Amino acid sequence: MFALTDVKKTYQQKGRTVHALAGVTLEIPRGQLVAIQGSTGGGKTTLLQMLGALDRPTSGTVILDGQEISKLGDRKLADVRAKQLGFVFQHYNLIPTLTAQENVEMGLAPLGPKPEERKQRAAEALASVGLADRGDHLPGELSGGQQQRVSIARALAKRPQVLLADEPTGNLDEATRDDIMGLFESLWREGLTIVMVTHDSAVARRAERRLHISGGKLTEK
């Protein structure tokens, strides 16, 4: 699914060069559930951005499903993000004035499906995360765990090849965290490739594969 070869990312900060990624080589086969851990500033979010076609490396190559995305232009990168990747973040990023159903439908806008298809795919995605009966609720009427499920449904409605999650349980209590991880495990068992960044070792231990990044260097745990 992913193949990264000697990926480096440097940038300037207050007159000094920061090596966010220092020669990362990594393969992630289709169908894995991968957790990436590391301290703040260690490079884990930068790595996720490379996998998510949100940034380009300073050098090295990033290949997704046989296509070298590290060399694509902005328009083609946007197309990859829209059609192949689903994103879940620590903050749910839901529009407070829209219902759960409408929030999920909004995530399909870049794909341009007809209104009836958009409505059906959103309803199916909400049902897949256990919220079939919450589609008409506003975010403020939902718990934190339910809001995160809506954001997961928004990502799933695109029918992505990969789900990328950045601290997806960071705002949740322990019980709700375990509930969301149970959902991720179910999606993984159904064949979805999932890569998540987390600071929580209890979350990482439930992944099929654990990676650690520090100082821009990646190791297996």
C-alpha atoms as a PDB file:
ATOM      1  CA  MET A   1       0.000   0.000   0.000  1.00  0.00           C
ATOM      2  CA  PHE A   2       2.703   2.493   1.089  1.00  0.00           C
ATOM      3  CA  ALA A   3       6.395   2.434   0.260  1.00  0.00           C
ATOM      4  CA  LEU A   4       8.632   5.227   1.548  1.00  0.00           C
ATOM      5  CA  THR A   5      12.308   5.297   0.593  1.00  0.00           C
ATOM      6  CA  ASP A   6      14.854   7.505   2.390  1.00  0.00           C
ATOM      7  CA  VAL A   7      12.272  10.226   3.018  1.00  0.00           C
ATOM      8  CA  LYS A   8      13.720  13.407   4.479  1.00  0.00           C
ATOM      9  CA  LYS A   9      11.927  16.582   5.463  1.00  0.00           C
ATOM     10  CA  THR A  10      13.803  19.676   6.585  1.00  0.00           C
ATOM     11  CA  TYR A  11      12.657  23.208   7.240  1.00  0.00           C
ATOM     12  CA  GLN A  12      14.025  26.385   8.717  1.00  0.00           C
ATOM     13  CA  GLN A  13      12.973  27.536  12.174  1.00  0.00           C
ATOM     14  CA  LYS A  14      14.435  30.618  13.832  1.00  0.00           C
ATOM     15  CA  GLY A  15      17.598  30.454  11.784  1.00  0.00           C
ATOM     16  CA  ARG A  16      18.259  26.754  12.261  1.00  0.00           C
ATOM     17  CA  THR A  17      17.569  23.696  10.142  1.00  0.00           C
ATOM     18  CA  VAL A  18      15.087  21.231  11.619  1.00  0.00           C
ATOM     19  CA  HIS A  19      15.235  17.618  10.401  1.00  0.00           C
ATOM     20  CA  ALA A  20      11.617  16.571  10.873  1.00  0.00           C
ATOM     21  CA  LEU A  21      12.242  13.306   8.996  1.00  0.00           C
ATOM     22  CA  ALA A  22      15.782  11.972   8.748  1.00  0.00           C
ATOM     23  CA  GLY A  23      15.774   9.311   6.058  1.00  0.00           C
ATOM     24  CA  VAL A  24      12.629   7.267   6.750  1.00  0.00           C
ATOM     25  CA  THR A  25      12.246   4.008   4.831  1.00  0.00           C
ATOM     26  CA  LEU A  26       8.982   2.182   5.450  1.00  0.00           C
ATOM     27  CA  GLU A  27       6.582  -0.275   3.838  1.00  0.00           C
ATOM     28  CA  ILE A  28       2.979  -0.655   4.965  1.00  0.00           C
ATOM     29  CA  PRO A  29       1.156  -3.552   3.290  1.00  0.00           C
ATOM     30  CA  ARG A  30      -2.522  -3.357   2.467  1.00  0.00           C
ATOM     31  CA  GLY A  31      -4.746  -4.311   5.377  1.00  0.00           C
ATOM     32  CA  GLN A  32      -2.475  -3.430   8.319  1.00  0.00           C
ATOM     33  CA  LEU A  33      -3.438  -1.545  11.458  1.00  0.00           C
ATOM     34  CA  VAL A  34      -0.365   0.544  12.300  1.00  0.00           C
ATOM     35  CA  ALA A  35       0.280   2.801  15.295  1.00  0.00           C
ATOM     36  CA  ILE A  36       3.004   5.464  15.226  1.00  0.00           C
ATOM     37  CA  GLN A  37       4.230   6.755  18.577  1.00  0.00           C
ATOM     38  CA  GLY A  38       6.760   9.388  19.528  1.00  0.00           C
ATOM     39  CA  SER A  39       7.328  12.488  21.607  1.00  0.00           C
ATOM     40  CA  THR A  40       6.146  15.932  20.555  1.00  0.00           C
ATOM     41  CA  GLY A  41       8.361  17.230  17.765  1.00  0.00           C
ATOM     42  CA  GLY A  42       9.703  13.764  16.985  1.00  0.00           C
ATOM     43  CA  GLY A  43       8.273  13.678  13.469  1.00  0.00           C
ATOM     44  CA  LYS A  44       5.141  11.541  13.785  1.00  0.00           C
ATOM     45  CA  THR A  45       2.726  14.168  12.448  1.00  0.00           C
ATOM     46  CA  THR A  46       5.141  15.033   9.621  1.00  0.00           C
ATOM     47  CA  LEU A  47       5.250  11.358   8.675  1.00  0.00           C
ATOM     48  CA  LEU A  48       1.462  11.164   8.677  1.00  0.00           C
ATOM     49  CA  GLN A  49       1.352  14.236   6.426  1.00  0.00           C
ATOM     50  CA  MET A  50       3.620  12.458   3.948  1.00  0.00           C
ATOM     51  CA  LEU A  51       1.375   9.399   3.952  1.00  0.00           C
ATOM     52  CA  GLY A  52      -1.676  11.616   3.561  1.00  0.00           C
ATOM     53  CA  ALA A  53      -0.376  13.582   0.549  1.00  0.00           C
ATOM     54  CA  LEU A  54      -0.579  16.727   2.684  1.00  0.00           C
ATOM     55  CA  ASP A  55       3.088  17.611   2.225  1.00  0.00           C
ATOM     56  CA  ARG A  56       6.029  16.672   0.018  1.00  0.00           C
ATOM     57  CA  PRO A  57       9.400  15.395   1.213  1.00  0.00           C
ATOM     58  CA  THR A  58      12.558  17.437   0.817  1.00  0.00           C
ATOM     59  CA  SER A  59      14.025  14.279  -0.729  1.00  0.00           C
ATOM     60  CA  GLY A  60      13.122  10.629  -1.074  1.00  0.00           C
ATOM     61  CA  THR A  61      10.008   8.993  -2.488  1.00  0.00           C
ATOM     62  CA  VAL A  62       6.503   8.260  -1.209  1.00  0.00           C
ATOM     63  CA  ILE A  63       4.527   5.666  -3.164  1.00  0.00           C
ATOM     64  CA  LEU A  64       0.845   4.936  -2.568  1.00  0.00           C
ATOM     65  CA  ASP A  65      -0.656   1.919  -4.304  1.00  0.00           C
ATOM     66  CA  GLY A  66       2.032   1.994  -6.999  1.00  0.00           C
ATOM     67  CA  GLN A  67       1.878   5.751  -7.640  1.00  0.00           C
ATOM     68  CA  GLU A  68       4.674   8.086  -6.578  1.00  0.00           C
ATOM     69  CA  ILE A  69       2.655  10.791  -4.841  1.00  0.00           C
ATOM     70  CA  SER A  70       5.729  12.718  -3.683  1.00  0.00           C
ATOM     71  CA  LYS A  71       6.154  14.124  -7.207  1.00  0.00           C
ATOM     72  CA  LEU A  72       2.533  15.006  -7.975  1.00  0.00           C
ATOM     73  CA  GLY A  73       1.286  18.554  -8.480  1.00  0.00           C
ATOM     74  CA  ASP A  74      -1.199  20.211  -6.148  1.00  0.00           C
ATOM     75  CA  ARG A  75      -4.286  19.297  -8.176  1.00  0.00           C
ATOM     76  CA  LYS A  76      -3.371  15.632  -8.443  1.00  0.00           C
ATOM     77  CA  LEU A  77      -2.470  15.485  -4.757  1.00  0.00           C
ATOM     78  CA  ALA A  78      -5.889  16.897  -3.912  1.00  0.00           C
ATOM     79  CA  ASP A  79      -7.427  14.198  -6.100  1.00  0.00           C
ATOM     80  CA  VAL A  80      -5.501  11.485  -4.201  1.00  0.00           C
ATOM     81  CA  ARG A  81      -6.675  12.890  -0.860  1.00  0.00           C
ATOM     82  CA  ALA A  82     -10.280  13.060  -2.050  1.00  0.00           C
ATOM     83  CA  LYS A  83     -10.523   9.597  -3.591  1.00  0.00           C
ATOM     84  CA  GLN A  84      -8.038   7.317  -1.821  1.00  0.00           C
ATOM     85  CA  LEU A  85      -7.571   8.616   1.709  1.00  0.00           C
ATOM     86  CA  GLY A  86      -9.824   9.187   4.685  1.00  0.00           C
ATOM     87  CA  PHE A  87      -8.756  11.427   7.571  1.00  0.00           C
ATOM     88  CA  VAL A  88      -9.712  11.440  11.254  1.00  0.00           C
ATOM     89  CA  PHE A  89      -8.287  14.039  13.647  1.00  0.00           C
ATOM     90  CA  GLN A  90      -8.174  14.630  17.388  1.00  0.00           C
ATOM     91  CA  HIS A  91     -10.595  17.533  16.955  1.00  0.00           C
ATOM     92  CA  TYR A  92     -13.747  16.375  15.235  1.00  0.00           C
ATOM     93  CA  ASN A  93     -14.003  19.400  12.886  1.00  0.00           C
ATOM     94  CA  LEU A  94     -17.759  19.082  12.566  1.00  0.00           C
ATOM     95  CA  ILE A  95     -19.861  22.034  11.429  1.00  0.00           C
ATOM     96  CA  PRO A  96     -22.016  22.824  14.493  1.00  0.00           C
ATOM     97  CA  THR A  97     -25.026  24.045  12.513  1.00  0.00           C
ATOM     98  CA  LEU A  98     -25.257  20.898  10.386  1.00  0.00           C
ATOM     99  CA  THR A  99     -26.678  17.544  11.460  1.00  0.00           C
ATOM    100  CA  ALA A 100     -24.547  14.413  11.610  1.00  0.00           C
ATOM    101  CA  GLN A 101     -25.990  13.316   8.262  1.00  0.00           C
ATOM    102  CA  GLU A 102     -25.219  16.691   6.683  1.00  0.00           C
ATOM    103  CA  ASN A 103     -21.686  16.739   8.095  1.00  0.00           C
ATOM    104  CA  VAL A 104     -20.971  13.364   6.517  1.00  0.00           C
ATOM    105  CA  GLU A 105     -22.523  14.447   3.229  1.00  0.00           C
ATOM    106  CA  MET A 106     -20.253  17.517   3.209  1.00  0.00           C
ATOM    107  CA  GLY A 107     -17.232  15.223   3.195  1.00  0.00           C
ATOM    108  CA  LEU A 108     -18.419  13.780  -0.111  1.00  0.00           C
ATOM    109  CA  ALA A 109     -18.639  17.152  -1.858  1.00  0.00           C
ATOM    110  CA  PRO A 110     -15.172  16.930  -3.506  1.00  0.00           C
ATOM    111  CA  LEU A 111     -16.199  13.661  -5.173  1.00  0.00           C
ATOM    112  CA  GLY A 112     -19.261  15.228  -6.760  1.00  0.00           C
ATOM    113  CA  PRO A 113     -21.861  12.456  -6.317  1.00  0.00           C
ATOM    114  CA  LYS A 114     -25.491  13.236  -7.053  1.00  0.00           C
ATOM    115  CA  PRO A 115     -27.569  14.337  -4.021  1.00  0.00           C
ATOM    116  CA  GLU A 116     -29.393  11.006  -3.698  1.00  0.00           C
ATOM    117  CA  GLU A 117     -26.162   9.008  -3.781  1.00  0.00           C
ATOM    118  CA  ARG A 118     -24.541  11.413  -1.328  1.00  0.00           C
ATOM    119  CA  LYS A 119     -27.440  10.969   1.086  1.00  0.00           C
ATOM    120  CA  GLN A 120     -27.354   7.176   0.789  1.00  0.00           C
ATOM    121  CA  ARG A 121     -23.595   6.881   1.264  1.00  0.00           C
ATOM    122  CA  ALA A 122     -23.705   9.168   4.297  1.00  0.00           C
ATOM    123  CA  ALA A 123     -26.515   7.153   5.877  1.00  0.00           C
ATOM    124  CA  GLU A 124     -24.625   3.898   5.249  1.00  0.00           C
ATOM    125  CA  ALA A 125     -21.454   5.322   6.793  1.00  0.00           C
ATOM    126  CA  LEU A 126     -23.310   6.491   9.900  1.00  0.00           C
ATOM    127  CA  ALA A 127     -24.896   3.059  10.237  1.00  0.00           C
ATOM    128  CA  SER A 128     -21.461   1.418   9.941  1.00  0.00           C
ATOM    129  CA  VAL A 129     -20.246   3.334  13.020  1.00  0.00           C
ATOM    130  CA  GLY A 130     -23.385   2.638  15.034  1.00  0.00           C
ATOM    131  CA  LEU A 131     -25.128   5.983  14.532  1.00  0.00           C
ATOM    132  CA  ALA A 132     -27.976   5.053  12.227  1.00  0.00           C
ATOM    133  CA  ASP A 133     -30.430   6.694  14.634  1.00  0.00           C
ATOM    134  CA  ARG A 134     -28.398   9.901  15.178  1.00  0.00           C
ATOM    135  CA  GLY A 135     -28.285  11.310  11.668  1.00  0.00           C
ATOM    136  CA  ASP A 136     -30.653  14.178  12.468  1.00  0.00           C
ATOM    137  CA  HIS A 137     -28.723  15.286  15.587  1.00  0.00           C
ATOM    138  CA  LEU A 138     -26.503  18.358  15.698  1.00  0.00           C
ATOM    139  CA  PRO A 139     -22.940  17.888  17.008  1.00  0.00           C
ATOM    140  CA  GLY A 140     -23.855  19.710  20.217  1.00  0.00           C
ATOM    141  CA  GLU A 141     -26.486  17.057  20.894  1.00  0.00           C
ATOM    142  CA  LEU A 142     -23.921  14.244  20.700  1.00  0.00           C
ATOM    143  CA  SER A 143     -21.295  13.014  23.141  1.00  0.00           C
ATOM    144  CA  GLY A 144     -17.599  13.349  22.343  1.00  0.00           C
ATOM    145  CA  GLY A 145     -17.404   9.708  21.342  1.00  0.00           C
ATOM    146  CA  GLN A 146     -20.433  10.060  19.075  1.00  0.00           C
ATOM    147  CA  GLN A 147     -18.946  13.160  17.457  1.00  0.00           C
ATOM    148  CA  GLN A 148     -15.752  11.246  16.741  1.00  0.00           C
ATOM    149  CA  ARG A 149     -17.843   8.459  15.211  1.00  0.00           C
ATOM    150  CA  VAL A 150     -19.443  11.056  12.929  1.00  0.00           C
ATOM    151  CA  SER A 151     -15.989  12.222  11.842  1.00  0.00           C
ATOM    152  CA  ILE A 152     -15.031   8.588  11.179  1.00  0.00           C
ATOM    153  CA  ALA A 153     -18.236   8.114   9.180  1.00  0.00           C
ATOM    154  CA  ARG A 154     -17.363  11.240   7.169  1.00  0.00           C
ATOM    155  CA  ALA A 155     -14.032   9.635   6.255  1.00  0.00           C
ATOM    156  CA  LEU A 156     -15.572   6.226   5.516  1.00  0.00           C
ATOM    157  CA  ALA A 157     -18.274   7.641   3.262  1.00  0.00           C
ATOM    158  CA  LYS A 158     -15.570   8.339   0.674  1.00  0.00           C
ATOM    159  CA  ARG A 159     -14.805   4.595   0.646  1.00  0.00           C
ATOM    160  CA  PRO A 160     -11.074   5.221   1.033  1.00  0.00           C
ATOM    161  CA  GLN A 161      -8.272   2.730   0.573  1.00  0.00           C
ATOM    162  CA  VAL A 162      -6.569   4.002   3.725  1.00  0.00           C
ATOM    163  CA  LEU A 163      -7.778   5.646   6.926  1.00  0.00           C
ATOM    164  CA  LEU A 164      -5.242   8.023   8.500  1.00  0.00           C
ATOM    165  CA  ALA A 165      -5.900   9.087  12.084  1.00  0.00           C
ATOM    166  CA  ASP A 166      -4.011  11.758  14.045  1.00  0.00           C
ATOM    167  CA  GLU A 167      -4.543  11.288  17.811  1.00  0.00           C
ATOM    168  CA  PRO A 168      -8.121  10.045  17.209  1.00  0.00           C
ATOM    169  CA  THR A 169      -8.731   9.312  20.905  1.00  0.00           C
ATOM    170  CA  GLY A 170      -6.845  12.297  22.326  1.00  0.00           C
ATOM    171  CA  ASN A 171      -9.991  14.142  23.488  1.00  0.00           C
ATOM    172  CA  LEU A 172     -11.817  11.107  24.859  1.00  0.00           C
ATOM    173  CA  ASP A 173     -12.107   9.496  28.266  1.00  0.00           C
ATOM    174  CA  GLU A 174     -10.774   5.985  28.784  1.00  0.00           C
ATOM    175  CA  ALA A 175     -14.041   4.131  28.214  1.00  0.00           C
ATOM    176  CA  THR A 176     -14.852   6.103  25.064  1.00  0.00           C
ATOM    177  CA  ARG A 177     -11.277   5.680  23.848  1.00  0.00           C
ATOM    178  CA  ASP A 178     -11.659   1.910  24.094  1.00  0.00           C
ATOM    179  CA  ASP A 179     -14.981   2.122  22.278  1.00  0.00           C
ATOM    180  CA  ILE A 180     -13.431   4.026  19.359  1.00  0.00           C
ATOM    181  CA  MET A 181     -10.504   1.598  19.221  1.00  0.00           C
ATOM    182  CA  GLY A 182     -12.987  -1.253  19.049  1.00  0.00           C
ATOM    183  CA  LEU A 183     -14.512   0.437  16.017  1.00  0.00           C
ATOM    184  CA  PHE A 184     -11.102   0.817  14.375  1.00  0.00           C
ATOM    185  CA  GLU A 185     -10.365  -2.852  15.000  1.00  0.00           C
ATOM    186  CA  SER A 186     -13.670  -3.838  13.381  1.00  0.00           C
ATOM    187  CA  LEU A 187     -12.893  -1.721  10.316  1.00  0.00           C
ATOM    188  CA  TRP A 188      -9.416  -3.245  10.122  1.00  0.00           C
ATOM    189  CA  ARG A 189     -10.797  -6.790  10.306  1.00  0.00           C
ATOM    190  CA  GLU A 190     -13.064  -5.894   7.402  1.00  0.00           C
ATOM    191  CA  GLY A 191      -9.930  -5.138   5.361  1.00  0.00           C
ATOM    192  CA  LEU A 192      -9.350  -1.399   5.777  1.00  0.00           C
ATOM    193  CA  THR A 193      -5.750  -0.195   6.067  1.00  0.00           C
ATOM    194  CA  ILE A 194      -5.420   2.116   9.090  1.00  0.00           C
ATOM    195  CA  VAL A 195      -2.437   4.218  10.145  1.00  0.00           C
ATOM    196  CA  MET A 196      -2.774   6.239  13.331  1.00  0.00           C
ATOM    197  CA  VAL A 197      -0.564   8.561  15.311  1.00  0.00           C
ATOM    198  CA  THR A 198      -1.027   8.300  19.071  1.00  0.00           C
ATOM    199  CA  HIS A 199       0.733   9.234  22.296  1.00  0.00           C
ATOM    200  CA  ASP A 200      -1.367   6.665  24.188  1.00  0.00           C
ATOM    201  CA  SER A 201       0.412   3.327  24.712  1.00  0.00           C
ATOM    202  CA  ALA A 202      -2.901   1.637  25.545  1.00  0.00           C
ATOM    203  CA  VAL A 203      -4.119   2.570  22.071  1.00  0.00           C
ATOM    204  CA  ALA A 204      -0.866   1.604  20.351  1.00  0.00           C
ATOM    205  CA  ARG A 205      -0.816  -1.841  21.977  1.00  0.00           C
ATOM    206  CA  ARG A 206      -4.059  -2.695  20.190  1.00  0.00           C
ATOM    207  CA  ALA A 207      -2.506  -2.122  16.769  1.00  0.00           C
ATOM    208  CA  GLU A 208      -1.206  -4.986  14.644  1.00  0.00           C
ATOM    209  CA  ARG A 209       2.095  -3.142  14.194  1.00  0.00           C
ATOM    210  CA  ARG A 210       3.812  -0.456  16.289  1.00  0.00           C
ATOM    211  CA  LEU A 211       6.343   2.091  15.074  1.00  0.00           C
ATOM    212  CA  HIS A 212       8.254   4.706  17.035  1.00  0.00           C
ATOM    213  CA  ILE A 213       9.703   7.914  15.683  1.00  0.00           C
ATOM    214  CA  SER A 214      12.173  10.168  17.486  1.00  0.00           C
ATOM    215  CA  GLY A 215      14.401  12.858  16.058  1.00  0.00           C
ATOM    216  CA  GLY A 216      12.977  12.086  12.645  1.00  0.00           C
ATOM    217  CA  LYS A 217      14.209   8.475  12.745  1.00  0.00           C
ATOM    218  CA  LEU A 218      11.765   5.554  12.587  1.00  0.00           C
ATOM    219  CA  THR A 219      12.092   2.228  14.410  1.00  0.00           C
ATOM    220  CA  GLU A 220       9.870  -0.823  14.896  1.00  0.00           C
ATOM    221  CA  LYS A 221       8.648  -1.589  18.424  1.00  0.00           C
END
